[in-house]
Amino acid sequence: MNKLIIKLFANRLSVFYLFLFTLITFNYWPSWAEKFSYQFTDLEISLLHKLGYHHEIDDRVVVLDVDDKSIDDFGRWPYHVV
């Protein structure tokens, strides 16, 4: 094992390549993992949808559209309406 390590590091170019590989891997790994996680989540949701699983819509969720008329009537967000 030690002879292998000595042969590997005897060549300076090998050390440089190892350093470069380590640098690239640690700098770009989070983006790879994040992309994989997003793709896995998309796959999971699409499979659940194809299998017929649907969640109930929560009535507490509200979509709020702030347009120019509302800003003119009530002022800037947050609205101070009683």
PDB file of N, CA and C in Angstrom:
ATOM      1  N   MET A   1       0.830  -1.194   0.000  1.00  0.00           N
ATOM      2  CA  MET A   1       0.000   0.000   0.000  1.00  0.00           C
ATOM      3  C   MET A   1       0.870   1.251   0.000  1.00  0.00           C
ATOM      4  N   ASN A   2       1.897   1.277   0.857  1.00  0.00           N
ATOM      5  CA  ASN A   2       2.772   2.453   0.924  1.00  0.00           C
ATOM      6  C   ASN A   2       3.533   2.652  -0.375  1.00  0.00           C
ATOM      7  N   LYS A   3       3.930   1.549  -1.036  1.00  0.00           N
ATOM      8  CA  LYS A   3       4.646   1.663  -2.303  1.00  0.00           C
ATOM      9  C   LYS A   3       3.759   2.279  -3.379  1.00  0.00           C
ATOM     10  N   LEU A   4       2.495   1.926  -3.363  1.00  0.00           N
ATOM     11  CA  LEU A   4       1.550   2.499  -4.315  1.00  0.00           C
ATOM     12  C   LEU A   4       1.402   3.993  -4.107  1.00  0.00           C
ATOM     13  N   ILE A   5       1.296   4.415  -2.876  1.00  0.00           N
ATOM     14  CA  ILE A   5       1.170   5.840  -2.559  1.00  0.00           C
ATOM     15  C   ILE A   5       2.430   6.589  -2.964  1.00  0.00           C
ATOM     16  N   ILE A   6       3.584   5.983  -2.723  1.00  0.00           N
ATOM     17  CA  ILE A   6       4.850   6.623  -3.097  1.00  0.00           C
ATOM     18  C   ILE A   6       4.952   6.757  -4.612  1.00  0.00           C
ATOM     19  N   LYS A   7       4.552   5.709  -5.350  1.00  0.00           N
ATOM     20  CA  LYS A   7       4.587   5.777  -6.815  1.00  0.00           C
ATOM     21  C   LYS A   7       3.603   6.823  -7.333  1.00  0.00           C
ATOM     22  N   LEU A   8       2.446   6.898  -6.701  1.00  0.00           N
ATOM     23  CA  LEU A   8       1.433   7.854  -7.139  1.00  0.00           C
ATOM     24  C   LEU A   8       1.908   9.286  -6.946  1.00  0.00           C
ATOM     25  N   PHE A   9       2.509   9.549  -5.806  1.00  0.00           N
ATOM     26  CA  PHE A   9       2.926  10.912  -5.508  1.00  0.00           C
ATOM     27  C   PHE A   9       4.348  11.225  -5.965  1.00  0.00           C
ATOM     28  N   ALA A  10       5.039  10.259  -6.530  1.00  0.00           N
ATOM     29  CA  ALA A  10       6.384  10.518  -7.021  1.00  0.00           C
ATOM     30  C   ALA A  10       6.341  11.421  -8.248  1.00  0.00           C
ATOM     31  N   ASN A  11       5.319  11.296  -9.013  1.00  0.00           N
ATOM     32  CA  ASN A  11       5.150  12.123 -10.188  1.00  0.00           C
ATOM     33  C   ASN A  11       4.410  13.403  -9.777  1.00  0.00           C
ATOM     34  N   ARG A  12       5.006  14.549  -9.986  1.00  0.00           N
ATOM     35  CA  ARG A  12       4.389  15.818  -9.583  1.00  0.00           C
ATOM     36  C   ARG A  12       3.112  16.095 -10.356  1.00  0.00           C
ATOM     37  N   LEU A  13       3.044  15.616 -11.577  1.00  0.00           N
ATOM     38  CA  LEU A  13       1.845  15.824 -12.371  1.00  0.00           C
ATOM     39  C   LEU A  13       0.653  15.092 -11.751  1.00  0.00           C
ATOM     40  N   SER A  14       0.887  13.909 -11.208  1.00  0.00           N
ATOM     41  CA  SER A  14      -0.180  13.167 -10.538  1.00  0.00           C
ATOM     42  C   SER A  14      -0.689  13.927  -9.330  1.00  0.00           C
ATOM     43  N   VAL A  15       0.208  14.537  -8.592  1.00  0.00           N
ATOM     44  CA  VAL A  15      -0.192  15.335  -7.431  1.00  0.00           C
ATOM     45  C   VAL A  15      -1.035  16.517  -7.884  1.00  0.00           C
ATOM     46  N   PHE A  16      -0.612  17.145  -8.974  1.00  0.00           N
ATOM     47  CA  PHE A  16      -1.371  18.284  -9.497  1.00  0.00           C
ATOM     48  C   PHE A  16      -2.768  17.854  -9.920  1.00  0.00           C
ATOM     49  N   TYR A  17      -2.874  16.719 -10.630  1.00  0.00           N
ATOM     50  CA  TYR A  17      -4.188  16.228 -11.051  1.00  0.00           C
ATOM     51  C   TYR A  17      -5.067  15.860  -9.864  1.00  0.00           C
ATOM     52  N   LEU A  18      -4.486  15.276  -8.862  1.00  0.00           N
ATOM     53  CA  LEU A  18      -5.242  14.942  -7.662  1.00  0.00           C
ATOM     54  C   LEU A  18      -5.743  16.208  -6.971  1.00  0.00           C
ATOM     55  N   PHE A  19      -4.888  17.208  -6.890  1.00  0.00           N
ATOM     56  CA  PHE A  19      -5.284  18.478  -6.297  1.00  0.00           C
ATOM     57  C   PHE A  19      -6.390  19.132  -7.114  1.00  0.00           C
ATOM     58  N   LEU A  20      -6.255  19.122  -8.432  1.00  0.00           N
ATOM     59  CA  LEU A  20      -7.257  19.726  -9.302  1.00  0.00           C
ATOM     60  C   LEU A  20      -8.590  18.996  -9.190  1.00  0.00           C
ATOM     61  N   PHE A  21      -8.547  17.671  -9.179  1.00  0.00           N
ATOM     62  CA  PHE A  21      -9.768  16.884  -9.031  1.00  0.00           C
ATOM     63  C   PHE A  21     -10.463  17.195  -7.709  1.00  0.00           C
ATOM     64  N   THR A  22      -9.701  17.268  -6.628  1.00  0.00           N
ATOM     65  CA  THR A  22     -10.267  17.576  -5.312  1.00  0.00           C
ATOM     66  C   THR A  22     -10.873  18.969  -5.290  1.00  0.00           C
ATOM     67  N   LEU A  23     -10.191  19.918  -5.869  1.00  0.00           N
ATOM     68  CA  LEU A  23     -10.688  21.285  -5.902  1.00  0.00           C
ATOM     69  C   LEU A  23     -11.989  21.382  -6.674  1.00  0.00           C
ATOM     70  N   ILE A  24     -12.036  20.769  -7.839  1.00  0.00           N
ATOM     71  CA  ILE A  24     -13.251  20.812  -8.659  1.00  0.00           C
ATOM     72  C   ILE A  24     -14.389  20.077  -7.976  1.00  0.00           C
ATOM     73  N   THR A  25     -14.103  18.932  -7.399  1.00  0.00           N
ATOM     74  CA  THR A  25     -15.149  18.147  -6.746  1.00  0.00           C
ATOM     75  C   THR A  25     -15.770  18.898  -5.582  1.00  0.00           C
ATOM     76  N   PHE A  26     -14.956  19.489  -4.736  1.00  0.00           N
ATOM     77  CA  PHE A  26     -15.510  20.175  -3.571  1.00  0.00           C
ATOM     78  C   PHE A  26     -16.179  21.495  -3.926  1.00  0.00           C
ATOM     79  N   ASN A  27     -15.782  22.100  -5.031  1.00  0.00           N
ATOM     80  CA  ASN A  27     -16.429  23.354  -5.421  1.00  0.00           C
ATOM     81  C   ASN A  27     -17.759  23.134  -6.110  1.00  0.00           C
ATOM     82  N   TYR A  28     -17.897  22.059  -6.871  1.00  0.00           N
ATOM     83  CA  TYR A  28     -19.099  21.849  -7.656  1.00  0.00           C
ATOM     84  C   TYR A  28     -20.015  20.758  -7.116  1.00  0.00           C
ATOM     85  N   TRP A  29     -19.622  20.063  -6.089  1.00  0.00           N
ATOM     86  CA  TRP A  29     -20.475  18.992  -5.570  1.00  0.00           C
ATOM     87  C   TRP A  29     -21.822  19.493  -5.051  1.00  0.00           C
ATOM     88  N   PRO A  30     -21.888  20.601  -4.313  1.00  0.00           N
ATOM     89  CA  PRO A  30     -23.206  21.031  -3.839  1.00  0.00           C
ATOM     90  C   PRO A  30     -24.199  21.280  -4.973  1.00  0.00           C
ATOM     91  N   SER A  31     -23.746  21.828  -6.094  1.00  0.00           N
ATOM     92  CA  SER A  31     -24.678  22.051  -7.195  1.00  0.00           C
ATOM     93  C   SER A  31     -25.125  20.725  -7.806  1.00  0.00           C
ATOM     94  N   TRP A  32     -24.230  19.729  -7.861  1.00  0.00           N
ATOM     95  CA  TRP A  32     -24.628  18.416  -8.354  1.00  0.00           C
ATOM     96  C   TRP A  32     -25.658  17.791  -7.433  1.00  0.00           C
ATOM     97  N   ALA A  33     -25.409  17.852  -6.143  1.00  0.00           N
ATOM     98  CA  ALA A  33     -26.327  17.253  -5.171  1.00  0.00           C
ATOM     99  C   ALA A  33     -27.668  17.976  -5.183  1.00  0.00           C
ATOM    100  N   GLU A  34     -27.629  19.278  -5.312  1.00  0.00           N
ATOM    101  CA  GLU A  34     -28.866  20.056  -5.342  1.00  0.00           C
ATOM    102  C   GLU A  34     -29.682  19.717  -6.588  1.00  0.00           C
ATOM    103  N   LYS A  35     -29.015  19.619  -7.732  1.00  0.00           N
ATOM    104  CA  LYS A  35     -29.706  19.274  -8.976  1.00  0.00           C
ATOM    105  C   LYS A  35     -30.319  17.884  -8.877  1.00  0.00           C
ATOM    106  N   PHE A  36     -29.568  16.930  -8.321  1.00  0.00           N
ATOM    107  CA  PHE A  36     -30.091  15.571  -8.145  1.00  0.00           C
ATOM    108  C   PHE A  36     -31.305  15.572  -7.226  1.00  0.00           C
ATOM    109  N   SER A  37     -31.236  16.346  -6.156  1.00  0.00           N
ATOM    110  CA  SER A  37     -32.343  16.416  -5.216  1.00  0.00           C
ATOM    111  C   SER A  37     -33.595  16.980  -5.884  1.00  0.00           C
ATOM    112  N   TYR A  38     -33.435  18.024  -6.685  1.00  0.00           N
ATOM    113  CA  TYR A  38     -34.581  18.603  -7.394  1.00  0.00           C
ATOM    114  C   TYR A  38     -35.169  17.613  -8.389  1.00  0.00           C
ATOM    115  N   GLN A  39     -34.317  16.900  -9.121  1.00  0.00           N
ATOM    116  CA  GLN A  39     -34.808  15.926 -10.090  1.00  0.00           C
ATOM    117  C   GLN A  39     -35.528  14.779  -9.391  1.00  0.00           C
ATOM    118  N   PHE A  40     -35.001  14.350  -8.256  1.00  0.00           N
ATOM    119  CA  PHE A  40     -35.651  13.274  -7.501  1.00  0.00           C
ATOM    120  C   PHE A  40     -37.014  13.734  -6.976  1.00  0.00           C
ATOM    121  N   THR A  41     -37.096  14.955  -6.480  1.00  0.00           N
ATOM    122  CA  THR A  41     -38.365  15.478  -5.980  1.00  0.00           C
ATOM    123  C   THR A  41     -39.380  15.608  -7.108  1.00  0.00           C
ATOM    124  N   ASP A  42     -38.955  16.094  -8.266  1.00  0.00           N
ATOM    125  CA  ASP A  42     -39.853  16.182  -9.419  1.00  0.00           C
ATOM    126  C   ASP A  42     -40.365  14.810  -9.820  1.00  0.00           C
ATOM    127  N   LEU A  43     -39.479  13.824  -9.838  1.00  0.00           N
ATOM    128  CA  LEU A  43     -39.882  12.468 -10.184  1.00  0.00           C
ATOM    129  C   LEU A  43     -40.887  11.918  -9.177  1.00  0.00           C
ATOM    130  N   GLU A  44     -40.622  12.154  -7.905  1.00  0.00           N
ATOM    131  CA  GLU A  44     -41.524  11.675  -6.852  1.00  0.00           C
ATOM    132  C   GLU A  44     -42.915  12.288  -6.998  1.00  0.00           C
ATOM    133  N   ILE A  45     -42.977  13.585  -7.228  1.00  0.00           N
ATOM    134  CA  ILE A  45     -44.273  14.257  -7.355  1.00  0.00           C
ATOM    135  C   ILE A  45     -45.012  13.787  -8.597  1.00  0.00           C
ATOM    136  N   SER A  46     -44.299  13.643  -9.717  1.00  0.00           N
ATOM    137  CA  SER A  46     -44.971  13.189 -10.940  1.00  0.00           C
ATOM    138  C   SER A  46     -45.475  11.756 -10.801  1.00  0.00           C
ATOM    139  N   LEU A  47     -44.706  10.882 -10.129  1.00  0.00           N
ATOM    140  CA  LEU A  47     -45.175   9.508  -9.918  1.00  0.00           C
ATOM    141  C   LEU A  47     -46.399   9.462  -9.006  1.00  0.00           C
ATOM    142  N   LEU A  48     -46.391  10.262  -7.953  1.00  0.00           N
ATOM    143  CA  LEU A  48     -47.559  10.304  -7.075  1.00  0.00           C
ATOM    144  C   LEU A  48     -48.788  10.820  -7.822  1.00  0.00           C
ATOM    145  N   HIS A  49     -48.587  11.788  -8.688  1.00  0.00           N
ATOM    146  CA  HIS A  49     -49.704  12.321  -9.471  1.00  0.00           C
ATOM    147  C   HIS A  49     -50.236  11.260 -10.440  1.00  0.00           C
ATOM    148  N   LYS A  50     -49.335  10.507 -11.085  1.00  0.00           N
ATOM    149  CA  LYS A  50     -49.762   9.456 -12.012  1.00  0.00           C
ATOM    150  C   LYS A  50     -50.471   8.317 -11.293  1.00  0.00           C
ATOM    151  N   LEU A  51     -50.107   8.072 -10.039  1.00  0.00           N
ATOM    152  CA  LEU A  51     -50.747   7.010  -9.263  1.00  0.00           C
ATOM    153  C   LEU A  51     -52.097   7.433  -8.701  1.00  0.00           C
ATOM    154  N   GLY A  52     -52.443   8.692  -8.878  1.00  0.00           N
ATOM    155  CA  GLY A  52     -53.760   9.152  -8.446  1.00  0.00           C
ATOM    156  C   GLY A  52     -53.774   9.798  -7.081  1.00  0.00           C
ATOM    157  N   TYR A  53     -52.619  10.048  -6.496  1.00  0.00           N
ATOM    158  CA  TYR A  53     -52.580  10.698  -5.190  1.00  0.00           C
ATOM    159  C   TYR A  53     -52.728  12.202  -5.381  1.00  0.00           C
ATOM    160  N   HIS A  54     -53.748  12.768  -4.774  1.00  0.00           N
ATOM    161  CA  HIS A  54     -53.965  14.213  -4.821  1.00  0.00           C
ATOM    162  C   HIS A  54     -54.222  14.703  -3.401  1.00  0.00           C
ATOM    163  N   HIS A  55     -53.609  15.780  -3.042  1.00  0.00           N
ATOM    164  CA  HIS A  55     -53.827  16.322  -1.712  1.00  0.00           C
ATOM    165  C   HIS A  55     -55.000  17.296  -1.747  1.00  0.00           C
ATOM    166  N   GLU A  56     -55.613  17.469  -0.599  1.00  0.00           N
ATOM    167  CA  GLU A  56     -56.735  18.397  -0.513  1.00  0.00           C
ATOM    168  C   GLU A  56     -56.216  19.829  -0.511  1.00  0.00           C
ATOM    169  N   ILE A  57     -56.988  20.699  -1.109  1.00  0.00           N
ATOM    170  CA  ILE A  57     -56.610  22.106  -1.156  1.00  0.00           C
ATOM    171  C   ILE A  57     -56.966  22.742   0.185  1.00  0.00           C
ATOM    172  N   ASP A  58     -56.010  23.420   0.767  1.00  0.00           N
ATOM    173  CA  ASP A  58     -56.200  24.077   2.061  1.00  0.00           C
ATOM    174  C   ASP A  58     -56.856  25.436   1.847  1.00  0.00           C
ATOM    175  N   ASP A  59     -57.949  25.677   2.569  1.00  0.00           N
ATOM    176  CA  ASP A  59     -58.666  26.945   2.432  1.00  0.00           C
ATOM    177  C   ASP A  59     -57.917  28.118   3.030  1.00  0.00           C
ATOM    178  N   ARG A  60     -56.888  27.848   3.816  1.00  0.00           N
ATOM    179  CA  ARG A  60     -56.129  28.938   4.429  1.00  0.00           C
ATOM    180  C   ARG A  60     -55.145  29.582   3.454  1.00  0.00           C
ATOM    181  N   VAL A  61     -54.916  28.950   2.311  1.00  0.00           N
ATOM    182  CA  VAL A  61     -54.006  29.505   1.317  1.00  0.00           C
ATOM    183  C   VAL A  61     -54.767  30.494   0.454  1.00  0.00           C
ATOM    184  N   VAL A  62     -54.233  31.705   0.354  1.00  0.00           N
ATOM    185  CA  VAL A  62     -54.880  32.761  -0.410  1.00  0.00           C
ATOM    186  C   VAL A  62     -53.879  33.334  -1.401  1.00  0.00           C
ATOM    187  N   VAL A  63     -54.328  33.536  -2.636  1.00  0.00           N
ATOM    188  CA  VAL A  63     -53.503  34.181  -3.645  1.00  0.00           C
ATOM    189  C   VAL A  63     -53.900  35.652  -3.666  1.00  0.00           C
ATOM    190  N   LEU A  64     -52.918  36.514  -3.453  1.00  0.00           N
ATOM    191  CA  LEU A  64     -53.170  37.941  -3.357  1.00  0.00           C
ATOM    192  C   LEU A  64     -52.530  38.633  -4.549  1.00  0.00           C
ATOM    193  N   ASP A  65     -53.326  39.405  -5.279  1.00  0.00           N
ATOM    194  CA  ASP A  65     -52.827  40.143  -6.431  1.00  0.00           C
ATOM    195  C   ASP A  65     -52.831  41.620  -6.083  1.00  0.00           C
ATOM    196  N   VAL A  66     -51.665  42.227  -6.088  1.00  0.00           N
ATOM    197  CA  VAL A  66     -51.535  43.650  -5.783  1.00  0.00           C
ATOM    198  C   VAL A  66     -51.375  44.380  -7.109  1.00  0.00           C
ATOM    199  N   ASP A  67     -52.391  45.137  -7.487  1.00  0.00           N
ATOM    200  CA  ASP A  67     -52.343  45.880  -8.738  1.00  0.00           C
ATOM    201  C   ASP A  67     -52.251  47.379  -8.454  1.00  0.00           C
ATOM    202  N   ASP A  68     -52.157  48.156  -9.514  1.00  0.00           N
ATOM    203  CA  ASP A  68     -51.999  49.611  -9.364  1.00  0.00           C
ATOM    204  C   ASP A  68     -53.207  50.242  -8.696  1.00  0.00           C
ATOM    205  N   LYS A  69     -54.413  49.761  -8.994  1.00  0.00           N
ATOM    206  CA  LYS A  69     -55.617  50.324  -8.379  1.00  0.00           C
ATOM    207  C   LYS A  69     -55.614  50.103  -6.864  1.00  0.00           C
ATOM    208  N   SER A  70     -55.217  48.921  -6.441  1.00  0.00           N
ATOM    209  CA  SER A  70     -55.156  48.636  -5.005  1.00  0.00           C
ATOM    210  C   SER A  70     -54.114  49.513  -4.320  1.00  0.00           C
ATOM    211  N   ILE A  71     -52.981  49.721  -4.970  1.00  0.00           N
ATOM    212  CA  ILE A  71     -51.961  50.588  -4.394  1.00  0.00           C
ATOM    213  C   ILE A  71     -52.477  52.017  -4.296  1.00  0.00           C
ATOM    214  N   ASP A  72     -53.220  52.490  -5.314  1.00  0.00           N
ATOM    215  CA  ASP A  72     -53.795  53.841  -5.268  1.00  0.00           C
ATOM    216  C   ASP A  72     -54.847  53.962  -4.175  1.00  0.00           C
ATOM    217  N   ASP A  73     -55.655  52.897  -3.994  1.00  0.00           N
ATOM    218  CA  ASP A  73     -56.742  52.947  -3.000  1.00  0.00           C
ATOM    219  C   ASP A  73     -56.231  52.790  -1.570  1.00  0.00           C
ATOM    220  N   PHE A  74     -55.330  51.843  -1.341  1.00  0.00           N
ATOM    221  CA  PHE A  74     -54.932  51.493   0.019  1.00  0.00           C
ATOM    222  C   PHE A  74     -53.519  51.923   0.390  1.00  0.00           C
ATOM    223  N   GLY A  75     -52.694  52.244  -0.570  1.00  0.00           N
ATOM    224  CA  GLY A  75     -51.312  52.582  -0.287  1.00  0.00           C
ATOM    225  C   GLY A  75     -50.416  51.372  -0.493  1.00  0.00           C
ATOM    226  N   ARG A  76     -49.150  51.557  -0.168  1.00  0.00           N
ATOM    227  CA  ARG A  76     -48.176  50.481  -0.381  1.00  0.00           C
ATOM    228  C   ARG A  76     -48.369  49.345   0.601  1.00  0.00           C
ATOM    229  N   TRP A  77     -47.892  48.176   0.220  1.00  0.00           N
ATOM    230  CA  TRP A  77     -47.946  46.991   1.081  1.00  0.00           C
ATOM    231  C   TRP A  77     -47.059  47.181   2.275  1.00  0.00           C
ATOM    232  N   PRO A  78     -47.358  46.811   3.460  1.00  0.00           N
ATOM    233  CA  PRO A  78     -48.556  46.073   3.894  1.00  0.00           C
ATOM    234  C   PRO A  78     -49.733  47.022   4.062  1.00  0.00           C
ATOM    235  N   TYR A  79     -50.885  46.502   3.670  1.00  0.00           N
ATOM    236  CA  TYR A  79     -52.095  47.305   3.776  1.00  0.00           C
ATOM    237  C   TYR A  79     -52.472  47.472   5.235  1.00  0.00           C
ATOM    238  N   HIS A  80     -52.894  48.642   5.581  1.00  0.00           N
ATOM    239  CA  HIS A  80     -53.360  48.910   6.948  1.00  0.00           C
ATOM    240  C   HIS A  80     -54.878  49.092   6.913  1.00  0.00           C
ATOM    241  N   VAL A  81     -55.554  48.029   6.555  1.00  0.00           N
ATOM    242  CA  VAL A  81     -57.010  48.054   6.434  1.00  0.00           C
ATOM    243  C   VAL A  81     -57.596  47.306   7.609  1.00  0.00           C
ATOM    244  N   VAL A  82     -58.606  47.903   8.221  1.00  0.00           N
ATOM    245  CA  VAL A  82     -59.250  47.275   9.380  1.00  0.00           C
ATOM    246  C   VAL A  82     -60.446  46.505   8.947  1.00  0.00           C
TER     247      VAL A  82
END
